Amino acid sequence: GGSGYAKNIIFQNVVMNNVSNPIIIDQNYCDQKTPCEQQPSAVKISNVVFKNIKGTSASEEAISFDCSKSFPCQGVLLQDVNLVRQGDGDVDATCLKVRLQKKGNVSPGC
């Protein structure tokens, strides 16, 4: 839930080392142990850039966009992103209800 907006945000030239969920936007975040109901409102997210992001992920899911059905994330750009799994294994990306653009090499991809 919530209201308002988060817009025109840039994450650039970041090196991640053994980080859980290195790239995440979660408009459905729930801070309780029982499942939360889907909220009819959400903070509007637009024009978010992840540029030149490299490193290792401690979690299987290195990129996660879980955006609102009511207010999908808009204008999210992944540019030159390379995240691999710390140790053995692959990394994944989940992109739900996000208007996503990619430039350059992006790994993992949705």
PDB file of N, CA and C in Angstrom:
ATOM      1  N   GLY A   1       0.806  -1.186   0.000  1.00  0.00           N
ATOM      2  CA  GLY A   1       0.000   0.000   0.000  1.00  0.00           C
ATOM      3  C   GLY A   1       0.848   1.247   0.000  1.00  0.00           C
ATOM      4  N   GLY A   2       0.216   2.350   0.256  1.00  0.00           N
ATOM      5  CA  GLY A   2       0.927   3.610   0.312  1.00  0.00           C
ATOM      6  C   GLY A   2       0.484   4.546  -0.786  1.00  0.00           C
ATOM      7  N   SER A   3       1.110   5.703  -0.801  1.00  0.00           N
ATOM      8  CA  SER A   3       0.831   6.681  -1.845  1.00  0.00           C
ATOM      9  C   SER A   3       2.095   7.500  -2.056  1.00  0.00           C
ATOM     10  N   GLY A   4       2.063   8.339  -3.061  1.00  0.00           N
ATOM     11  CA  GLY A   4       3.234   9.141  -3.386  1.00  0.00           C
ATOM     12  C   GLY A   4       3.988   8.532  -4.554  1.00  0.00           C
ATOM     13  N   TYR A   5       5.251   8.910  -4.674  1.00  0.00           N
ATOM     14  CA  TYR A   5       6.033   8.418  -5.805  1.00  0.00           C
ATOM     15  C   TYR A   5       7.516   8.358  -5.446  1.00  0.00           C
ATOM     16  N   ALA A   6       8.213   7.544  -6.197  1.00  0.00           N
ATOM     17  CA  ALA A   6       9.674   7.489  -6.195  1.00  0.00           C
ATOM     18  C   ALA A   6      10.060   7.527  -7.664  1.00  0.00           C
ATOM     19  N   LYS A   7      10.785   8.566  -8.066  1.00  0.00           N
ATOM     20  CA  LYS A   7      11.080   8.702  -9.494  1.00  0.00           C
ATOM     21  C   LYS A   7      12.443   9.349  -9.695  1.00  0.00           C
ATOM     22  N   ASN A   8      12.964   9.176 -10.918  1.00  0.00           N
ATOM     23  CA  ASN A   8      14.237   9.765 -11.324  1.00  0.00           C
ATOM     24  C   ASN A   8      15.381   9.351 -10.382  1.00  0.00           C
ATOM     25  N   ILE A   9      15.550   8.036 -10.228  1.00  0.00           N
ATOM     26  CA  ILE A   9      16.564   7.469  -9.338  1.00  0.00           C
ATOM     27  C   ILE A   9      17.610   6.752 -10.182  1.00  0.00           C
ATOM     28  N   ILE A  10      18.887   6.973  -9.860  1.00  0.00           N
ATOM     29  CA  ILE A  10      19.983   6.322 -10.603  1.00  0.00           C
ATOM     30  C   ILE A  10      20.882   5.576  -9.625  1.00  0.00           C
ATOM     31  N   PHE A  11      21.091   4.275  -9.915  1.00  0.00           N
ATOM     32  CA  PHE A  11      22.091   3.460  -9.231  1.00  0.00           C
ATOM     33  C   PHE A  11      23.162   3.194 -10.277  1.00  0.00           C
ATOM     34  N   GLN A  12      24.374   3.705 -10.090  1.00  0.00           N
ATOM     35  CA  GLN A  12      25.389   3.646 -11.138  1.00  0.00           C
ATOM     36  C   GLN A  12      26.758   3.301 -10.554  1.00  0.00           C
ATOM     37  N   ASN A  13      27.513   2.492 -11.322  1.00  0.00           N
ATOM     38  CA  ASN A  13      28.886   2.129 -10.950  1.00  0.00           C
ATOM     39  C   ASN A  13      28.954   1.488  -9.566  1.00  0.00           C
ATOM     40  N   VAL A  14      28.172   0.425  -9.385  1.00  0.00           N
ATOM     41  CA  VAL A  14      28.102  -0.270  -8.106  1.00  0.00           C
ATOM     42  C   VAL A  14      28.687  -1.672  -8.263  1.00  0.00           C
ATOM     43  N   VAL A  15      29.531  -2.069  -7.304  1.00  0.00           N
ATOM     44  CA  VAL A  15      30.071  -3.423  -7.266  1.00  0.00           C
ATOM     45  C   VAL A  15      29.469  -4.122  -6.048  1.00  0.00           C
ATOM     46  N   MET A  16      28.810  -5.256  -6.300  1.00  0.00           N
ATOM     47  CA  MET A  16      28.178  -6.046  -5.240  1.00  0.00           C
ATOM     48  C   MET A  16      29.073  -7.242  -4.928  1.00  0.00           C
ATOM     49  N   ASN A  17      29.253  -7.552  -3.653  1.00  0.00           N
ATOM     50  CA  ASN A  17      30.019  -8.727  -3.255  1.00  0.00           C
ATOM     51  C   ASN A  17      29.203  -9.567  -2.285  1.00  0.00           C
ATOM     52  N   ASN A  18      28.720 -10.727  -2.774  1.00  0.00           N
ATOM     53  CA  ASN A  18      27.971 -11.680  -1.958  1.00  0.00           C
ATOM     54  C   ASN A  18      26.748 -11.023  -1.304  1.00  0.00           C
ATOM     55  N   VAL A  19      25.947 -10.328  -2.099  1.00  0.00           N
ATOM     56  CA  VAL A  19      24.783  -9.572  -1.628  1.00  0.00           C
ATOM     57  C   VAL A  19      23.496 -10.354  -1.915  1.00  0.00           C
ATOM     58  N   SER A  20      22.615 -10.447  -0.929  1.00  0.00           N
ATOM     59  CA  SER A  20      21.300 -11.048  -1.153  1.00  0.00           C
ATOM     60  C   SER A  20      20.410 -10.035  -1.858  1.00  0.00           C
ATOM     61  N   ASN A  21      19.751 -10.460  -2.936  1.00  0.00           N
ATOM     62  CA  ASN A  21      18.863  -9.597  -3.716  1.00  0.00           C
ATOM     63  C   ASN A  21      19.537  -8.304  -4.151  1.00  0.00           C
ATOM     64  N   PRO A  22      20.574  -8.369  -4.982  1.00  0.00           N
ATOM     65  CA  PRO A  22      21.312  -7.156  -5.367  1.00  0.00           C
ATOM     66  C   PRO A  22      20.461  -6.056  -6.009  1.00  0.00           C
ATOM     67  N   ILE A  23      19.530  -6.426  -6.886  1.00  0.00           N
ATOM     68  CA  ILE A  23      18.661  -5.427  -7.515  1.00  0.00           C
ATOM     69  C   ILE A  23      17.225  -5.835  -7.221  1.00  0.00           C
ATOM     70  N   ILE A  24      16.501  -4.970  -6.495  1.00  0.00           N
ATOM     71  CA  ILE A  24      15.129  -5.320  -6.109  1.00  0.00           C
ATOM     72  C   ILE A  24      14.257  -4.070  -6.030  1.00  0.00           C
ATOM     73  N   ILE A  25      13.077  -4.181  -6.600  1.00  0.00           N
ATOM     74  CA  ILE A  25      11.995  -3.226  -6.378  1.00  0.00           C
ATOM     75  C   ILE A  25      10.786  -4.077  -6.020  1.00  0.00           C
ATOM     76  N   ASP A  26      10.215  -3.857  -4.842  1.00  0.00           N
ATOM     77  CA  ASP A  26       9.096  -4.667  -4.372  1.00  0.00           C
ATOM     78  C   ASP A  26       7.984  -3.761  -3.858  1.00  0.00           C
ATOM     79  N   GLN A  27       7.002  -3.513  -4.698  1.00  0.00           N
ATOM     80  CA  GLN A  27       5.854  -2.709  -4.293  1.00  0.00           C
ATOM     81  C   GLN A  27       4.857  -3.522  -3.469  1.00  0.00           C
ATOM     82  N   ASN A  28       5.069  -4.830  -3.383  1.00  0.00           N
ATOM     83  CA  ASN A  28       4.183  -5.703  -2.618  1.00  0.00           C
ATOM     84  C   ASN A  28       4.847  -6.191  -1.340  1.00  0.00           C
ATOM     85  N   TYR A  29       5.835  -5.460  -0.864  1.00  0.00           N
ATOM     86  CA  TYR A  29       6.569  -5.825   0.342  1.00  0.00           C
ATOM     87  C   TYR A  29       5.617  -5.976   1.524  1.00  0.00           C
ATOM     88  N   CYS A  30       5.885  -6.987   2.323  1.00  0.00           N
ATOM     89  CA  CYS A  30       5.049  -7.255   3.483  1.00  0.00           C
ATOM     90  C   CYS A  30       5.968  -7.571   4.655  1.00  0.00           C
ATOM     91  N   ASP A  31       5.843  -6.836   5.754  1.00  0.00           N
ATOM     92  CA  ASP A  31       6.743  -7.020   6.881  1.00  0.00           C
ATOM     93  C   ASP A  31       6.124  -7.829   8.020  1.00  0.00           C
ATOM     94  N   GLN A  32       5.215  -8.722   7.663  1.00  0.00           N
ATOM     95  CA  GLN A  32       4.632  -9.603   8.669  1.00  0.00           C
ATOM     96  C   GLN A  32       4.776 -11.055   8.235  1.00  0.00           C
ATOM     97  N   LYS A  33       4.684 -11.964   9.177  1.00  0.00           N
ATOM     98  CA  LYS A  33       4.904 -13.380   8.878  1.00  0.00           C
ATOM     99  C   LYS A  33       3.772 -13.985   8.069  1.00  0.00           C
ATOM    100  N   THR A  34       2.536 -13.533   8.283  1.00  0.00           N
ATOM    101  CA  THR A  34       1.411 -14.049   7.510  1.00  0.00           C
ATOM    102  C   THR A  34       1.321 -13.283   6.197  1.00  0.00           C
ATOM    103  N   PRO A  35       0.804 -13.900   5.152  1.00  0.00           N
ATOM    104  CA  PRO A  35       0.722 -13.217   3.853  1.00  0.00           C
ATOM    105  C   PRO A  35      -0.123 -11.946   3.920  1.00  0.00           C
ATOM    106  N   CYS A  36       0.317 -10.926   3.217  1.00  0.00           N
ATOM    107  CA  CYS A  36      -0.443  -9.678   3.134  1.00  0.00           C
ATOM    108  C   CYS A  36      -1.402  -9.761   1.951  1.00  0.00           C
ATOM    109  N   GLU A  37      -2.525  -9.103   2.093  1.00  0.00           N
ATOM    110  CA  GLU A  37      -3.435  -8.997   0.963  1.00  0.00           C
ATOM    111  C   GLU A  37      -2.866  -7.997  -0.030  1.00  0.00           C
ATOM    112  N   GLN A  38      -3.185  -8.198  -1.318  1.00  0.00           N
ATOM    113  CA  GLN A  38      -2.742  -7.243  -2.331  1.00  0.00           C
ATOM    114  C   GLN A  38      -3.404  -5.899  -2.054  1.00  0.00           C
ATOM    115  N   GLN A  39      -2.604  -4.855  -2.078  1.00  0.00           N
ATOM    116  CA  GLN A  39      -3.092  -3.520  -1.756  1.00  0.00           C
ATOM    117  C   GLN A  39      -3.615  -2.826  -3.016  1.00  0.00           C
ATOM    118  N   PRO A  40      -4.693  -2.040  -2.876  1.00  0.00           N
ATOM    119  CA  PRO A  40      -5.234  -1.341  -4.046  1.00  0.00           C
ATOM    120  C   PRO A  40      -4.423  -0.106  -4.435  1.00  0.00           C
ATOM    121  N   SER A  41      -3.457   0.286  -3.600  1.00  0.00           N
ATOM    122  CA  SER A  41      -2.627   1.450  -3.914  1.00  0.00           C
ATOM    123  C   SER A  41      -1.166   1.083  -3.701  1.00  0.00           C
ATOM    124  N   ALA A  42      -0.288   1.893  -4.234  1.00  0.00           N
ATOM    125  CA  ALA A  42       1.146   1.662  -4.082  1.00  0.00           C
ATOM    126  C   ALA A  42       1.875   2.950  -4.410  1.00  0.00           C
ATOM    127  N   VAL A  43       3.088   3.070  -3.902  1.00  0.00           N
ATOM    128  CA  VAL A  43       3.946   4.184  -4.276  1.00  0.00           C
ATOM    129  C   VAL A  43       4.267   4.024  -5.761  1.00  0.00           C
ATOM    130  N   LYS A  44       4.044   5.062  -6.549  1.00  0.00           N
ATOM    131  CA  LYS A  44       4.314   4.998  -7.989  1.00  0.00           C
ATOM    132  C   LYS A  44       5.819   5.087  -8.219  1.00  0.00           C
ATOM    133  N   ILE A  45       6.340   4.155  -8.997  1.00  0.00           N
ATOM    134  CA  ILE A  45       7.774   4.100  -9.270  1.00  0.00           C
ATOM    135  C   ILE A  45       7.994   4.319 -10.762  1.00  0.00           C
ATOM    136  N   SER A  46       8.867   5.294 -11.096  1.00  0.00           N
ATOM    137  CA  SER A  46       9.143   5.563 -12.506  1.00  0.00           C
ATOM    138  C   SER A  46      10.554   6.122 -12.674  1.00  0.00           C
ATOM    139  N   ASN A  47      11.102   5.864 -13.850  1.00  0.00           N
ATOM    140  CA  ASN A  47      12.413   6.379 -14.250  1.00  0.00           C
ATOM    141  C   ASN A  47      13.509   5.994 -13.253  1.00  0.00           C
ATOM    142  N   VAL A  48      13.752   4.690 -13.158  1.00  0.00           N
ATOM    143  CA  VAL A  48      14.795   4.154 -12.287  1.00  0.00           C
ATOM    144  C   VAL A  48      15.846   3.489 -13.180  1.00  0.00           C
ATOM    145  N   VAL A  49      17.103   3.879 -13.007  1.00  0.00           N
ATOM    146  CA  VAL A  49      18.206   3.379 -13.824  1.00  0.00           C
ATOM    147  C   VAL A  49      19.166   2.568 -12.958  1.00  0.00           C
ATOM    148  N   PHE A  50      19.507   1.369 -13.432  1.00  0.00           N
ATOM    149  CA  PHE A  50      20.561   0.545 -12.848  1.00  0.00           C
ATOM    150  C   PHE A  50      21.633   0.430 -13.931  1.00  0.00           C
ATOM    151  N   LYS A  51      22.743   1.156 -13.776  1.00  0.00           N
ATOM    152  CA  LYS A  51      23.747   1.247 -14.834  1.00  0.00           C
ATOM    153  C   LYS A  51      25.123   0.849 -14.293  1.00  0.00           C
ATOM    154  N   ASN A  52      25.785  -0.033 -15.041  1.00  0.00           N
ATOM    155  CA  ASN A  52      27.125  -0.499 -14.695  1.00  0.00           C
ATOM    156  C   ASN A  52      27.141  -1.116 -13.290  1.00  0.00           C
ATOM    157  N   ILE A  53      26.323  -2.152 -13.135  1.00  0.00           N
ATOM    158  CA  ILE A  53      26.211  -2.881 -11.870  1.00  0.00           C
ATOM    159  C   ILE A  53      26.861  -4.249 -12.079  1.00  0.00           C
ATOM    160  N   LYS A  54      27.807  -4.600 -11.221  1.00  0.00           N
ATOM    161  CA  LYS A  54      28.544  -5.848 -11.371  1.00  0.00           C
ATOM    162  C   LYS A  54      28.695  -6.515 -10.013  1.00  0.00           C
ATOM    163  N   GLY A  55      28.969  -7.829 -10.030  1.00  0.00           N
ATOM    164  CA  GLY A  55      29.293  -8.496  -8.781  1.00  0.00           C
ATOM    165  C   GLY A  55      28.650  -9.837  -8.600  1.00  0.00           C
ATOM    166  N   THR A  56      28.577 -10.243  -7.313  1.00  0.00           N
ATOM    167  CA  THR A  56      28.087 -11.575  -6.984  1.00  0.00           C
ATOM    168  C   THR A  56      26.869 -11.491  -6.067  1.00  0.00           C
ATOM    169  N   SER A  57      25.978 -12.452  -6.279  1.00  0.00           N
ATOM    170  CA  SER A  57      24.747 -12.531  -5.512  1.00  0.00           C
ATOM    171  C   SER A  57      24.800 -13.721  -4.562  1.00  0.00           C
ATOM    172  N   ALA A  58      24.416 -13.509  -3.317  1.00  0.00           N
ATOM    173  CA  ALA A  58      24.312 -14.594  -2.346  1.00  0.00           C
ATOM    174  C   ALA A  58      23.018 -15.378  -2.543  1.00  0.00           C
ATOM    175  N   SER A  59      22.058 -14.775  -3.220  1.00  0.00           N
ATOM    176  CA  SER A  59      20.756 -15.417  -3.433  1.00  0.00           C
ATOM    177  C   SER A  59      20.612 -15.845  -4.886  1.00  0.00           C
ATOM    178  N   GLU A  60      19.727 -16.819  -5.101  1.00  0.00           N
ATOM    179  CA  GLU A  60      19.490 -17.310  -6.459  1.00  0.00           C
ATOM    180  C   GLU A  60      18.866 -16.233  -7.336  1.00  0.00           C
ATOM    181  N   GLU A  61      18.043 -15.390  -6.732  1.00  0.00           N
ATOM    182  CA  GLU A  61      17.391 -14.325  -7.482  1.00  0.00           C
ATOM    183  C   GLU A  61      18.198 -13.037  -7.338  1.00  0.00           C
ATOM    184  N   ALA A  62      18.912 -12.680  -8.390  1.00  0.00           N
ATOM    185  CA  ALA A  62      19.774 -11.502  -8.346  1.00  0.00           C
ATOM    186  C   ALA A  62      19.020 -10.222  -8.719  1.00  0.00           C
ATOM    187  N   ILE A  63      17.986 -10.364  -9.549  1.00  0.00           N
ATOM    188  CA  ILE A  63      17.177  -9.212  -9.956  1.00  0.00           C
ATOM    189  C   ILE A  63      15.717  -9.564  -9.699  1.00  0.00           C
ATOM    190  N   SER A  64      15.018  -8.691  -8.972  1.00  0.00           N
ATOM    191  CA  SER A  64      13.613  -8.946  -8.669  1.00  0.00           C
ATOM    192  C   SER A  64      12.822  -7.648  -8.759  1.00  0.00           C
ATOM    193  N   PHE A  65      11.889  -7.623  -9.701  1.00  0.00           N
ATOM    194  CA  PHE A  65      10.941  -6.521  -9.810  1.00  0.00           C
ATOM    195  C   PHE A  65       9.552  -7.114  -9.574  1.00  0.00           C
ATOM    196  N   ASP A  66       8.939  -6.762  -8.455  1.00  0.00           N
ATOM    197  CA  ASP A  66       7.599  -7.218  -8.115  1.00  0.00           C
ATOM    198  C   ASP A  66       6.751  -5.968  -7.944  1.00  0.00           C
ATOM    199  N   CYS A  67       6.210  -5.511  -9.052  1.00  0.00           N
ATOM    200  CA  CYS A  67       5.505  -4.234  -9.063  1.00  0.00           C
ATOM    201  C   CYS A  67       4.000  -4.433  -8.935  1.00  0.00           C
ATOM    202  N   SER A  68       3.328  -3.368  -8.587  1.00  0.00           N
ATOM    203  CA  SER A  68       1.905  -3.364  -8.285  1.00  0.00           C
ATOM    204  C   SER A  68       1.044  -3.543  -9.534  1.00  0.00           C
ATOM    205  N   LYS A  69      -0.055  -4.278  -9.359  1.00  0.00           N
ATOM    206  CA  LYS A  69      -1.018  -4.406 -10.445  1.00  0.00           C
ATOM    207  C   LYS A  69      -1.680  -3.060 -10.710  1.00  0.00           C
ATOM    208  N   SER A  70      -1.924  -2.288  -9.651  1.00  0.00           N
ATOM    209  CA  SER A  70      -2.580  -0.988  -9.782  1.00  0.00           C
ATOM    210  C   SER A  70      -1.668   0.067 -10.400  1.00  0.00           C
ATOM    211  N   PHE A  71      -0.368   0.052  -9.993  1.00  0.00           N
ATOM    212  CA  PHE A  71       0.590   1.046 -10.466  1.00  0.00           C
ATOM    213  C   PHE A  71       1.885   0.356 -10.873  1.00  0.00           C
ATOM    214  N   PRO A  72       1.919  -0.267 -12.078  1.00  0.00           N
ATOM    215  CA  PRO A  72       3.138  -0.955 -12.515  1.00  0.00           C
ATOM    216  C   PRO A  72       4.331   0.001 -12.539  1.00  0.00           C
ATOM    217  N   CYS A  73       5.506  -0.542 -12.322  1.00  0.00           N
ATOM    218  CA  CYS A  73       6.740   0.251 -12.415  1.00  0.00           C
ATOM    219  C   CYS A  73       6.942   0.652 -13.874  1.00  0.00           C
ATOM    220  N   GLN A  74       7.302   1.902 -14.096  1.00  0.00           N
ATOM    221  CA  GLN A  74       7.468   2.408 -15.459  1.00  0.00           C
ATOM    222  C   GLN A  74       8.851   3.007 -15.634  1.00  0.00           C
ATOM    223  N   GLY A  75       9.407   2.828 -16.826  1.00  0.00           N
ATOM    224  CA  GLY A  75      10.676   3.456 -17.146  1.00  0.00           C
ATOM    225  C   GLY A  75      11.851   2.913 -16.368  1.00  0.00           C
ATOM    226  N   VAL A  76      11.896   1.603 -16.121  1.00  0.00           N
ATOM    227  CA  VAL A  76      13.027   0.993 -15.429  1.00  0.00           C
ATOM    228  C   VAL A  76      14.037   0.542 -16.482  1.00  0.00           C
ATOM    229  N   LEU A  77      15.285   0.969 -16.323  1.00  0.00           N
ATOM    230  CA  LEU A  77      16.351   0.655 -17.277  1.00  0.00           C
ATOM    231  C   LEU A  77      17.445  -0.158 -16.601  1.00  0.00           C
ATOM    232  N   LEU A  78      17.790  -1.291 -17.210  1.00  0.00           N
ATOM    233  CA  LEU A  78      18.970  -2.058 -16.828  1.00  0.00           C
ATOM    234  C   LEU A  78      19.998  -1.868 -17.937  1.00  0.00           C
ATOM    235  N   GLN A  79      21.160  -1.321 -17.600  1.00  0.00           N
ATOM    236  CA  GLN A  79      22.198  -1.089 -18.599  1.00  0.00           C
ATOM    237  C   GLN A  79      23.533  -1.602 -18.071  1.00  0.00           C
ATOM    238  N   ASP A  80      24.143  -2.500 -18.845  1.00  0.00           N
ATOM    239  CA  ASP A  80      25.447  -3.068 -18.484  1.00  0.00           C
ATOM    240  C   ASP A  80      25.431  -3.618 -17.062  1.00  0.00           C
ATOM    241  N   VAL A  81      24.604  -4.643 -16.853  1.00  0.00           N
ATOM    242  CA  VAL A  81      24.462  -5.307 -15.559  1.00  0.00           C
ATOM    243  C   VAL A  81      25.005  -6.724 -15.689  1.00  0.00           C
ATOM    244  N   ASN A  82      25.905  -7.110 -14.803  1.00  0.00           N
ATOM    245  CA  ASN A  82      26.458  -8.463 -14.811  1.00  0.00           C
ATOM    246  C   ASN A  82      26.549  -8.970 -13.368  1.00  0.00           C
ATOM    247  N   LEU A  83      25.574  -9.804 -12.999  1.00  0.00           N
ATOM    248  CA  LEU A  83      25.540 -10.387 -11.662  1.00  0.00           C
ATOM    249  C   LEU A  83      25.611 -11.905 -11.779  1.00  0.00           C
ATOM    250  N   VAL A  84      26.501 -12.515 -11.027  1.00  0.00           N
ATOM    251  CA  VAL A  84      26.667 -13.964 -11.027  1.00  0.00           C
ATOM    252  C   VAL A  84      26.480 -14.474  -9.608  1.00  0.00           C
ATOM    253  N   ARG A  85      26.341 -15.785  -9.474  1.00  0.00           N
ATOM    254  CA  ARG A  85      26.120 -16.398  -8.160  1.00  0.00           C
ATOM    255  C   ARG A  85      27.440 -16.532  -7.422  1.00  0.00           C
ATOM    256  N   GLN A  86      27.443 -16.166  -6.152  1.00  0.00           N
ATOM    257  CA  GLN A  86      28.596 -16.391  -5.297  1.00  0.00           C
ATOM    258  C   GLN A  86      28.716 -17.900  -5.111  1.00  0.00           C
ATOM    259  N   GLY A  87      29.868 -18.473  -5.402  1.00  0.00           N
ATOM    260  CA  GLY A  87      30.033 -19.920  -5.316  1.00  0.00           C
ATOM    261  C   GLY A  87      29.432 -20.599  -6.525  1.00  0.00           C
ATOM    262  N   ASP A  88      28.815 -21.753  -6.318  1.00  0.00           N
ATOM    263  CA  ASP A  88      28.227 -22.520  -7.422  1.00  0.00           C
ATOM    264  C   ASP A  88      26.779 -22.137  -7.650  1.00  0.00           C
ATOM    265  N   GLY A  89      26.327 -22.339  -8.872  1.00  0.00           N
ATOM    266  CA  GLY A  89      24.918 -22.132  -9.193  1.00  0.00           C
ATOM    267  C   GLY A  89      24.689 -20.949 -10.102  1.00  0.00           C
ATOM    268  N   ASP A  90      23.477 -20.903 -10.582  1.00  0.00           N
ATOM    269  CA  ASP A  90      23.055 -19.837 -11.484  1.00  0.00           C
ATOM    270  C   ASP A  90      22.242 -18.797 -10.727  1.00  0.00           C
ATOM    271  N   VAL A  91      22.077 -17.657 -11.344  1.00  0.00           N
ATOM    272  CA  VAL A  91      21.196 -16.620 -10.806  1.00  0.00           C
ATOM    273  C   VAL A  91      20.036 -16.410 -11.766  1.00  0.00           C
ATOM    274  N   ASP A  92      18.917 -15.958 -11.214  1.00  0.00           N
ATOM    275  CA  ASP A  92      17.714 -15.709 -11.988  1.00  0.00           C
ATOM    276  C   ASP A  92      17.279 -14.267 -11.830  1.00  0.00           C
ATOM    277  N   ALA A  93      16.310 -13.901 -12.668  1.00  0.00           N
ATOM    278  CA  ALA A  93      15.668 -12.590 -12.574  1.00  0.00           C
ATOM    279  C   ALA A  93      14.163 -12.797 -12.685  1.00  0.00           C
ATOM    280  N   THR A  94      13.412 -12.026 -11.904  1.00  0.00           N
ATOM    281  CA  THR A  94      11.956 -12.039 -11.964  1.00  0.00           C
ATOM    282  C   THR A  94      11.492 -10.623 -12.237  1.00  0.00           C
ATOM    283  N   CYS A  95      10.630 -10.479 -13.233  1.00  0.00           N
ATOM    284  CA  CYS A  95      10.164  -9.143 -13.619  1.00  0.00           C
ATOM    285  C   CYS A  95       8.650  -9.172 -13.770  1.00  0.00           C
ATOM    286  N   LEU A  96       7.943  -8.755 -12.715  1.00  0.00           N
ATOM    287  CA  LEU A  96       6.486  -8.763 -12.702  1.00  0.00           C
ATOM    288  C   LEU A  96       5.941  -7.341 -12.734  1.00  0.00           C
ATOM    289  N   LYS A  97       5.110  -7.079 -13.715  1.00  0.00           N
ATOM    290  CA  LYS A  97       4.404  -5.796 -13.854  1.00  0.00           C
ATOM    291  C   LYS A  97       5.356  -4.609 -13.883  1.00  0.00           C
ATOM    292  N   VAL A  98       6.401  -4.738 -14.690  1.00  0.00           N
ATOM    293  CA  VAL A  98       7.391  -3.670 -14.838  1.00  0.00           C
ATOM    294  C   VAL A  98       7.591  -3.386 -16.326  1.00  0.00           C
ATOM    295  N   ARG A  99       7.619  -2.120 -16.678  1.00  0.00           N
ATOM    296  CA  ARG A  99       7.950  -1.720 -18.050  1.00  0.00           C
ATOM    297  C   ARG A  99       9.453  -1.511 -18.070  1.00  0.00           C
ATOM    298  N   LEU A 100      10.147  -2.522 -18.599  1.00  0.00           N
ATOM    299  CA  LEU A 100      11.589  -2.637 -18.487  1.00  0.00           C
ATOM    300  C   LEU A 100      12.271  -2.435 -19.834  1.00  0.00           C
ATOM    301  N   GLN A 101      13.386  -1.725 -19.802  1.00  0.00           N
ATOM    302  CA  GLN A 101      14.211  -1.534 -20.986  1.00  0.00           C
ATOM    303  C   GLN A 101      15.621  -2.011 -20.656  1.00  0.00           C
ATOM    304  N   LYS A 102      16.275  -2.626 -21.626  1.00  0.00           N
ATOM    305  CA  LYS A 102      17.643  -3.112 -21.419  1.00  0.00           C
ATOM    306  C   LYS A 102      18.563  -2.495 -22.472  1.00  0.00           C
ATOM    307  N   LYS A 103      19.773  -2.152 -22.032  1.00  0.00           N
ATOM    308  CA  LYS A 103      20.814  -1.649 -22.946  1.00  0.00           C
ATOM    309  C   LYS A 103      22.114  -2.335 -22.599  1.00  0.00           C
ATOM    310  N   GLY A 104      22.920  -2.610 -23.619  1.00  0.00           N
ATOM    311  CA  GLY A 104      24.182  -3.274 -23.379  1.00  0.00           C
ATOM    312  C   GLY A 104      23.971  -4.715 -22.949  1.00  0.00           C
ATOM    313  N   ASN A 105      24.944  -5.259 -22.247  1.00  0.00           N
ATOM    314  CA  ASN A 105      24.847  -6.628 -21.742  1.00  0.00           C
ATOM    315  C   ASN A 105      24.147  -6.622 -20.388  1.00  0.00           C
ATOM    316  N   VAL A 106      23.102  -7.451 -20.270  1.00  0.00           N
ATOM    317  CA  VAL A 106      22.355  -7.554 -19.029  1.00  0.00           C
ATOM    318  C   VAL A 106      22.228  -9.034 -18.662  1.00  0.00           C
ATOM    319  N   SER A 107      22.799  -9.390 -17.509  1.00  0.00           N
ATOM    320  CA  SER A 107      22.744 -10.768 -17.044  1.00  0.00           C
ATOM    321  C   SER A 107      22.643 -10.786 -15.532  1.00  0.00           C
ATOM    322  N   PRO A 108      21.654 -11.500 -14.989  1.00  0.00           N
ATOM    323  CA  PRO A 108      20.659 -12.332 -15.685  1.00  0.00           C
ATOM    324  C   PRO A 108      19.559 -11.460 -16.301  1.00  0.00           C
ATOM    325  N   GLY A 109      18.893 -12.006 -17.266  1.00  0.00           N
ATOM    326  CA  GLY A 109      17.801 -11.289 -17.924  1.00  0.00           C
ATOM    327  C   GLY A 109      16.455 -11.864 -17.542  1.00  0.00           C
ATOM    328  N   CYS A 110      15.440 -11.053 -17.719  1.00  0.00           N
ATOM    329  CA  CYS A 110      14.066 -11.506 -17.425  1.00  0.00           C
ATOM    330  C   CYS A 110      13.528 -12.275 -18.610  1.00  0.00           C
TER     331      CYS A 110
END
